[in-house]
């Protein structure tokens, strides 16, 4: 049994609308969008059940605005990707903010370490989408650093004063994102 994505790509192939290379890219993009959509719905339902949707969405928004430029861990299998994502958001939203209460100074130290890691270890692209252009790689590095610093300013200047849980959720999200850059091997260029 073929998936709807396979059937759609086959139809495009038969009509000779795109090159083989473009068909592979389209199929990859469609699978990524499908898998991410399913993962998002499951995570949203899980956090809704725990009445933590606002923290999950905050963490997700923060993560995406940094990860878009910094890259990070990527997995071939959808199940492993889901398990890692589930663990990431469980740590950032449910576990770490309640396990470790962060003082202003501890949070500042964690952000300094995270910023250094993001500066030296980003971007880390997927092996399916390597960055071959050095200028693009440098731009992504600076954008990931800018996004991280912008979030740090927002967290310390605005959120820290009003909501400690959101603050800690944001701090842990940035930390986890930066720490996941460490084990990723550099794509050979």
C-alpha atoms as a PDB file:
ATOM      1  CA  UNK A   1       0.000   0.000   0.000  1.00  0.00           C
ATOM      2  CA  UNK A   2       1.446   3.331  -1.047  1.00  0.00           C
ATOM      3  CA  UNK A   3       1.068   6.491   0.963  1.00  0.00           C
ATOM      4  CA  UNK A   4      -0.915   9.438  -0.426  1.00  0.00           C
ATOM      5  CA  UNK A   5       2.389  11.296  -0.782  1.00  0.00           C
ATOM      6  CA  UNK A   6       3.848   8.487  -2.919  1.00  0.00           C
ATOM      7  CA  UNK A   7       0.734   8.428  -5.094  1.00  0.00           C
ATOM      8  CA  UNK A   8       0.795  12.194  -5.565  1.00  0.00           C
ATOM      9  CA  UNK A   9       4.504  12.208  -6.461  1.00  0.00           C
ATOM     10  CA  UNK A  10       3.955   9.317  -8.882  1.00  0.00           C
ATOM     11  CA  UNK A  11       1.168  11.256 -10.596  1.00  0.00           C
ATOM     12  CA  UNK A  12       3.468  14.274 -11.009  1.00  0.00           C
ATOM     13  CA  UNK A  13       6.190  11.935 -12.305  1.00  0.00           C
ATOM     14  CA  UNK A  14       3.873  10.402 -14.914  1.00  0.00           C
ATOM     15  CA  UNK A  15       2.842  13.841 -16.137  1.00  0.00           C
ATOM     16  CA  UNK A  16       6.547  14.801 -16.425  1.00  0.00           C
ATOM     17  CA  UNK A  17       5.969  18.119 -14.688  1.00  0.00           C
ATOM     18  CA  UNK A  18       9.186  18.056 -12.652  1.00  0.00           C
ATOM     19  CA  UNK A  19      12.691  16.636 -12.937  1.00  0.00           C
ATOM     20  CA  UNK A  20      13.679  13.577 -10.890  1.00  0.00           C
ATOM     21  CA  UNK A  21      15.717  15.794  -8.588  1.00  0.00           C
ATOM     22  CA  UNK A  22      12.786  18.146  -8.006  1.00  0.00           C
ATOM     23  CA  UNK A  23      10.468  15.176  -7.404  1.00  0.00           C
ATOM     24  CA  UNK A  24      12.803  13.845  -4.697  1.00  0.00           C
ATOM     25  CA  UNK A  25      12.949  17.281  -3.067  1.00  0.00           C
ATOM     26  CA  UNK A  26       9.169  17.633  -3.241  1.00  0.00           C
ATOM     27  CA  UNK A  27       8.631  14.173  -1.751  1.00  0.00           C
ATOM     28  CA  UNK A  28      11.120  14.896   1.042  1.00  0.00           C
ATOM     29  CA  UNK A  29       9.451  18.235   1.828  1.00  0.00           C
ATOM     30  CA  UNK A  30       5.977  16.694   1.831  1.00  0.00           C
ATOM     31  CA  UNK A  31       7.083  13.926   4.217  1.00  0.00           C
ATOM     32  CA  UNK A  32       8.743  16.410   6.546  1.00  0.00           C
ATOM     33  CA  UNK A  33       5.623  18.589   6.627  1.00  0.00           C
ATOM     34  CA  UNK A  34       3.384  15.550   7.188  1.00  0.00           C
ATOM     35  CA  UNK A  35       5.563  14.102   9.965  1.00  0.00           C
ATOM     36  CA  UNK A  36       5.998  17.460  11.695  1.00  0.00           C
ATOM     37  CA  UNK A  37       2.252  18.092  11.518  1.00  0.00           C
ATOM     38  CA  UNK A  38       1.433  14.729  13.114  1.00  0.00           C
ATOM     39  CA  UNK A  39       4.124  15.248  15.754  1.00  0.00           C
ATOM     40  CA  UNK A  40       2.785  18.724  16.558  1.00  0.00           C
ATOM     41  CA  UNK A  41      -0.801  17.470  16.946  1.00  0.00           C
ATOM     42  CA  UNK A  42       0.232  14.631  19.273  1.00  0.00           C
ATOM     43  CA  UNK A  43       2.409  16.933  21.390  1.00  0.00           C
ATOM     44  CA  UNK A  44      -0.320  19.574  21.499  1.00  0.00           C
ATOM     45  CA  UNK A  45      -2.870  17.004  22.694  1.00  0.00           C
ATOM     46  CA  UNK A  46      -0.437  15.701  25.310  1.00  0.00           C
ATOM     47  CA  UNK A  47       0.281  19.149  26.744  1.00  0.00           C
ATOM     48  CA  UNK A  48      -3.402  20.113  26.519  1.00  0.00           C
ATOM     49  CA  UNK A  49      -4.222  17.079  28.652  1.00  0.00           C
ATOM     50  CA  UNK A  50      -1.760  18.380  31.262  1.00  0.00           C
ATOM     51  CA  UNK A  51      -3.038  21.962  30.929  1.00  0.00           C
ATOM     52  CA  UNK A  52       0.410  23.136  29.739  1.00  0.00           C
ATOM     53  CA  UNK A  53      -0.386  24.197  26.158  1.00  0.00           C
ATOM     54  CA  UNK A  54       0.770  27.788  26.659  1.00  0.00           C
ATOM     55  CA  UNK A  55       4.164  26.621  27.933  1.00  0.00           C
ATOM     56  CA  UNK A  56       4.502  24.118  25.088  1.00  0.00           C
ATOM     57  CA  UNK A  57       3.627  26.718  22.427  1.00  0.00           C
ATOM     58  CA  UNK A  58       6.003  29.238  24.010  1.00  0.00           C
ATOM     59  CA  UNK A  59       8.815  26.679  24.054  1.00  0.00           C
ATOM     60  CA  UNK A  60       8.039  25.607  20.486  1.00  0.00           C
ATOM     61  CA  UNK A  61       8.033  29.191  19.188  1.00  0.00           C
ATOM     62  CA  UNK A  62      11.287  29.971  20.932  1.00  0.00           C
ATOM     63  CA  UNK A  63      12.883  26.738  19.705  1.00  0.00           C
ATOM     64  CA  UNK A  64      11.808  27.195  16.088  1.00  0.00           C
ATOM     65  CA  UNK A  65      13.076  30.773  15.943  1.00  0.00           C
ATOM     66  CA  UNK A  66      16.563  29.572  16.942  1.00  0.00           C
ATOM     67  CA  UNK A  67      16.621  26.096  15.382  1.00  0.00           C
ATOM     68  CA  UNK A  68      15.609  27.454  11.985  1.00  0.00           C
ATOM     69  CA  UNK A  69      19.084  29.018  11.794  1.00  0.00           C
ATOM     70  CA  UNK A  70      21.191  26.851  14.126  1.00  0.00           C
ATOM     71  CA  UNK A  71      20.037  23.414  13.023  1.00  0.00           C
ATOM     72  CA  UNK A  72      20.494  20.536  15.421  1.00  0.00           C
ATOM     73  CA  UNK A  73      19.858  16.843  15.753  1.00  0.00           C
ATOM     74  CA  UNK A  74      18.077  15.172  12.837  1.00  0.00           C
ATOM     75  CA  UNK A  75      16.846  11.593  12.627  1.00  0.00           C
ATOM     76  CA  UNK A  76      15.877   9.436   9.658  1.00  0.00           C
ATOM     77  CA  UNK A  77      13.005   7.690  11.400  1.00  0.00           C
ATOM     78  CA  UNK A  78       9.836   9.517  12.334  1.00  0.00           C
ATOM     79  CA  UNK A  79       9.364   7.540  15.549  1.00  0.00           C
ATOM     80  CA  UNK A  80      12.832   8.348  16.901  1.00  0.00           C
ATOM     81  CA  UNK A  81      12.338  12.001  15.949  1.00  0.00           C
ATOM     82  CA  UNK A  82       9.030  12.036  17.824  1.00  0.00           C
ATOM     83  CA  UNK A  83      10.547  10.402  20.929  1.00  0.00           C
ATOM     84  CA  UNK A  84      13.410  12.916  21.010  1.00  0.00           C
ATOM     85  CA  UNK A  85      10.989  15.836  20.487  1.00  0.00           C
ATOM     86  CA  UNK A  86       8.697  14.487  23.202  1.00  0.00           C
ATOM     87  CA  UNK A  87      11.653  14.236  25.591  1.00  0.00           C
ATOM     88  CA  UNK A  88      12.883  17.715  24.625  1.00  0.00           C
ATOM     89  CA  UNK A  89       9.556  19.417  25.347  1.00  0.00           C
ATOM     90  CA  UNK A  90       8.918  17.300  28.442  1.00  0.00           C
ATOM     91  CA  UNK A  91      12.263  18.426  29.835  1.00  0.00           C
ATOM     92  CA  UNK A  92      11.812  22.085  28.845  1.00  0.00           C
ATOM     93  CA  UNK A  93       8.182  22.406  29.972  1.00  0.00           C
ATOM     94  CA  UNK A  94       7.462  19.760  32.601  1.00  0.00           C
ATOM     95  CA  UNK A  95      10.644  18.588  34.275  1.00  0.00           C
ATOM     96  CA  UNK A  96      13.518  21.085  34.388  1.00  0.00           C
ATOM     97  CA  UNK A  97      11.525  24.196  35.438  1.00  0.00           C
ATOM     98  CA  UNK A  98      10.188  22.263  38.436  1.00  0.00           C
ATOM     99  CA  UNK A  99      13.316  20.278  39.208  1.00  0.00           C
ATOM    100  CA  UNK A 100      15.726  23.237  39.240  1.00  0.00           C
ATOM    101  CA  UNK A 101      14.585  26.669  40.334  1.00  0.00           C
ATOM    102  CA  UNK A 102      16.756  29.176  38.508  1.00  0.00           C
ATOM    103  CA  UNK A 103      18.001  32.316  40.158  1.00  0.00           C
ATOM    104  CA  UNK A 104      18.824  35.300  37.976  1.00  0.00           C
ATOM    105  CA  UNK A 105      22.568  34.532  38.221  1.00  0.00           C
ATOM    106  CA  UNK A 106      22.242  30.811  37.416  1.00  0.00           C
ATOM    107  CA  UNK A 107      20.054  31.613  34.432  1.00  0.00           C
ATOM    108  CA  UNK A 108      22.599  34.187  33.267  1.00  0.00           C
ATOM    109  CA  UNK A 109      25.414  31.614  33.482  1.00  0.00           C
ATOM    110  CA  UNK A 110      23.350  29.053  31.562  1.00  0.00           C
ATOM    111  CA  UNK A 111      22.598  31.636  28.880  1.00  0.00           C
ATOM    112  CA  UNK A 112      26.265  32.589  28.579  1.00  0.00           C
ATOM    113  CA  UNK A 113      27.243  28.933  28.110  1.00  0.00           C
ATOM    114  CA  UNK A 114      24.384  28.371  25.647  1.00  0.00           C
ATOM    115  CA  UNK A 115      25.288  31.459  23.623  1.00  0.00           C
ATOM    116  CA  UNK A 116      28.913  30.341  23.353  1.00  0.00           C
ATOM    117  CA  UNK A 117      27.833  26.855  22.238  1.00  0.00           C
ATOM    118  CA  UNK A 118      25.434  28.268  19.651  1.00  0.00           C
ATOM    119  CA  UNK A 119      28.109  30.631  18.338  1.00  0.00           C
ATOM    120  CA  UNK A 120      30.774  27.933  17.956  1.00  0.00           C
ATOM    121  CA  UNK A 121      28.615  24.983  16.917  1.00  0.00           C
ATOM    122  CA  UNK A 122      25.928  26.367  14.632  1.00  0.00           C
ATOM    123  CA  UNK A 123      24.685  25.824  12.058  1.00  0.00           C
ATOM    124  CA  UNK A 124      24.316  22.030  12.105  1.00  0.00           C
ATOM    125  CA  UNK A 125      22.164  21.142   9.095  1.00  0.00           C
ATOM    126  CA  UNK A 126      20.525  17.856   8.231  1.00  0.00           C
ATOM    127  CA  UNK A 127      22.581  15.487   6.066  1.00  0.00           C
ATOM    128  CA  UNK A 128      19.685  15.698   3.616  1.00  0.00           C
ATOM    129  CA  UNK A 129      20.151  19.467   3.264  1.00  0.00           C
ATOM    130  CA  UNK A 130      23.854  20.256   3.703  1.00  0.00           C
ATOM    131  CA  UNK A 131      25.063  23.853   3.597  1.00  0.00           C
ATOM    132  CA  UNK A 132      27.764  24.013   0.946  1.00  0.00           C
ATOM    133  CA  UNK A 133      28.101  27.781   0.694  1.00  0.00           C
ATOM    134  CA  UNK A 134      30.432  29.279   3.327  1.00  0.00           C
ATOM    135  CA  UNK A 135      28.737  32.671   3.146  1.00  0.00           C
ATOM    136  CA  UNK A 136      25.329  31.085   3.827  1.00  0.00           C
ATOM    137  CA  UNK A 137      26.808  29.123   6.719  1.00  0.00           C
ATOM    138  CA  UNK A 138      28.227  32.324   8.229  1.00  0.00           C
ATOM    139  CA  UNK A 139      24.895  34.123   7.791  1.00  0.00           C
ATOM    140  CA  UNK A 140      23.041  31.263   9.523  1.00  0.00           C
ATOM    141  CA  UNK A 141      25.556  31.338  12.380  1.00  0.00           C
ATOM    142  CA  UNK A 142      24.948  35.047  12.945  1.00  0.00           C
ATOM    143  CA  UNK A 143      21.181  34.702  12.598  1.00  0.00           C
ATOM    144  CA  UNK A 144      21.124  31.894  15.173  1.00  0.00           C
ATOM    145  CA  UNK A 145      23.241  34.020  17.498  1.00  0.00           C
ATOM    146  CA  UNK A 146      21.020  37.080  16.928  1.00  0.00           C
ATOM    147  CA  UNK A 147      17.843  35.068  17.559  1.00  0.00           C
ATOM    148  CA  UNK A 148      19.318  33.586  20.738  1.00  0.00           C
ATOM    149  CA  UNK A 149      20.435  36.969  22.053  1.00  0.00           C
ATOM    150  CA  UNK A 150      17.076  38.518  21.218  1.00  0.00           C
ATOM    151  CA  UNK A 151      15.289  35.793  23.206  1.00  0.00           C
ATOM    152  CA  UNK A 152      17.693  36.197  26.110  1.00  0.00           C
ATOM    153  CA  UNK A 153      16.914  39.922  26.239  1.00  0.00           C
ATOM    154  CA  UNK A 154      13.165  39.233  26.090  1.00  0.00           C
ATOM    155  CA  UNK A 155      13.428  36.569  28.795  1.00  0.00           C
ATOM    156  CA  UNK A 156      15.462  38.681  31.215  1.00  0.00           C
ATOM    157  CA  UNK A 157      13.915  42.089  30.530  1.00  0.00           C
ATOM    158  CA  UNK A 158      10.225  41.186  30.244  1.00  0.00           C
ATOM    159  CA  UNK A 159       9.371  37.615  31.208  1.00  0.00           C
ATOM    160  CA  UNK A 160      11.577  37.196  34.307  1.00  0.00           C
ATOM    161  CA  UNK A 161       9.659  39.960  36.099  1.00  0.00           C
ATOM    162  CA  UNK A 162       6.183  38.654  35.279  1.00  0.00           C
ATOM    163  CA  UNK A 163       6.278  34.853  35.155  1.00  0.00           C
ATOM    164  CA  UNK A 164       9.049  32.693  36.597  1.00  0.00           C
ATOM    165  CA  UNK A 165       7.709  29.497  34.998  1.00  0.00           C
ATOM    166  CA  UNK A 166       7.699  30.959  31.478  1.00  0.00           C
ATOM    167  CA  UNK A 167      11.149  32.398  32.169  1.00  0.00           C
ATOM    168  CA  UNK A 168      12.556  29.024  33.224  1.00  0.00           C
ATOM    169  CA  UNK A 169      10.809  27.245  30.362  1.00  0.00           C
ATOM    170  CA  UNK A 170      12.514  29.668  27.953  1.00  0.00           C
ATOM    171  CA  UNK A 171      15.915  29.306  29.603  1.00  0.00           C
ATOM    172  CA  UNK A 172      15.737  25.507  29.472  1.00  0.00           C
ATOM    173  CA  UNK A 173      14.552  25.545  25.856  1.00  0.00           C
ATOM    174  CA  UNK A 174      17.590  27.596  24.814  1.00  0.00           C
ATOM    175  CA  UNK A 175      19.907  25.384  26.899  1.00  0.00           C
ATOM    176  CA  UNK A 176      18.550  22.152  25.452  1.00  0.00           C
ATOM    177  CA  UNK A 177      18.762  23.529  21.914  1.00  0.00           C
ATOM    178  CA  UNK A 178      22.364  24.595  22.403  1.00  0.00           C
ATOM    179  CA  UNK A 179      23.384  21.345  24.090  1.00  0.00           C
ATOM    180  CA  UNK A 180      21.957  19.269  21.250  1.00  0.00           C
ATOM    181  CA  UNK A 181      24.345  21.025  18.861  1.00  0.00           C
ATOM    182  CA  UNK A 182      27.325  19.459  20.636  1.00  0.00           C
ATOM    183  CA  UNK A 183      27.010  15.798  19.559  1.00  0.00           C
ATOM    184  CA  UNK A 184      26.160  16.572  15.936  1.00  0.00           C
ATOM    185  CA  UNK A 185      29.002  15.854  13.523  1.00  0.00           C
ATOM    186  CA  UNK A 186      29.984  18.467  10.976  1.00  0.00           C
ATOM    187  CA  UNK A 187      28.788  17.729   7.441  1.00  0.00           C
ATOM    188  CA  UNK A 188      31.844  17.129   5.257  1.00  0.00           C
ATOM    189  CA  UNK A 189      32.007  19.714   2.499  1.00  0.00           C
END
